[in-house]
Amino acid sequence: MFKVTVHDANHTTVKEFKDASDFIMLEMREVPAFEDNMQVDQLEIDGKVIEFTGSVMDLFNKYNS
């Protein structure tokens, strides 16, 4: 499981993905899972909190390489 908690000026959103590849695939769609500029509050992979600071675009770039 790849769980991402993000926020923008108006609200917080939590979405779960099967894995990092699923997250990348859904971000590449015409209507992505999250807006690129949203800030990541927490990243959890297989139940473990992973230290990460940055935007959704930063997270995408980290796991798309």
Protein backbone atom coordinates (compact mmCIF):
# COMPACT_ATOMS: atom_id res chain seq x y z
CA MET A 1 0.00 0.00 0.00
CA PHE A 2 1.17 3.52 -0.90
CA LYS A 3 -0.81 6.04 1.17
CA VAL A 4 -0.41 9.77 0.57
CA THR A 5 -1.81 12.60 2.69
CA VAL A 6 -1.72 16.03 1.04
CA HIS A 7 -3.14 19.49 1.63
CA ASP A 8 -3.77 22.73 -0.17
CA ALA A 9 -5.15 26.02 1.11
CA ASN A 10 -8.65 24.60 1.53
CA HIS A 11 -8.50 20.99 2.64
CA THR A 12 -6.58 17.79 3.40
CA THR A 13 -6.92 14.70 1.21
CA VAL A 14 -5.81 11.11 1.83
CA LYS A 15 -5.60 8.56 -0.99
CA GLU A 16 -4.35 5.00 -1.08
CA PHE A 17 -2.68 3.37 -4.06
CA LYS A 18 -1.68 -0.23 -4.68
CA ASP A 19 2.00 0.78 -4.90
CA ALA A 20 4.27 3.57 -6.20
CA SER A 21 3.70 2.47 -9.82
CA ASP A 22 -0.05 2.86 -9.34
CA PHE A 23 0.50 6.37 -7.92
CA ILE A 24 2.70 7.32 -10.92
CA MET A 25 0.19 5.93 -13.42
CA LEU A 26 -2.72 7.84 -11.88
CA GLU A 27 -0.70 11.07 -11.70
CA MET A 28 0.00 10.83 -15.44
CA ARG A 29 -3.68 10.86 -16.35
CA GLU A 30 -5.38 13.91 -17.84
CA VAL A 31 -7.12 14.36 -14.48
CA PRO A 32 -4.50 13.29 -11.91
CA ALA A 33 -5.16 11.91 -8.44
CA PHE A 34 -3.69 15.11 -6.94
CA GLU A 35 -2.75 18.56 -8.22
CA ASP A 36 1.02 18.90 -8.66
CA ASN A 37 1.37 21.84 -6.28
CA MET A 38 -0.35 20.17 -3.29
CA GLN A 39 1.99 19.66 -0.33
CA VAL A 40 2.60 16.15 0.97
CA ASP A 41 1.94 15.90 4.71
CA GLN A 42 2.61 12.19 5.09
CA LEU A 43 3.75 9.25 3.00
CA GLU A 44 3.11 5.73 4.21
CA ILE A 45 4.37 2.62 2.42
CA ASP A 46 3.20 -0.79 3.63
CA GLY A 47 2.19 0.68 6.98
CA LYS A 48 5.51 2.48 7.60
CA VAL A 49 5.68 6.27 7.66
CA ILE A 50 8.37 7.44 5.23
CA GLU A 51 10.13 10.75 5.81
CA PHE A 52 9.33 13.01 2.86
CA THR A 53 9.03 16.76 2.44
CA GLY A 54 7.78 18.40 -0.73
CA SER A 55 4.96 18.66 -3.21
CA VAL A 56 3.09 15.99 -5.13
CA MET A 57 5.33 16.81 -8.12
CA ASP A 58 8.41 16.19 -5.95
CA LEU A 59 6.96 12.84 -4.85
CA PHE A 60 6.16 11.94 -8.46
CA ASN A 61 9.72 12.77 -9.54
CA LYS A 62 11.22 10.75 -6.67
CA TYR A 63 9.35 7.56 -7.59
CA ASN A 64 9.31 8.03 -11.37
CA SER A 65 13.09 7.84 -11.71
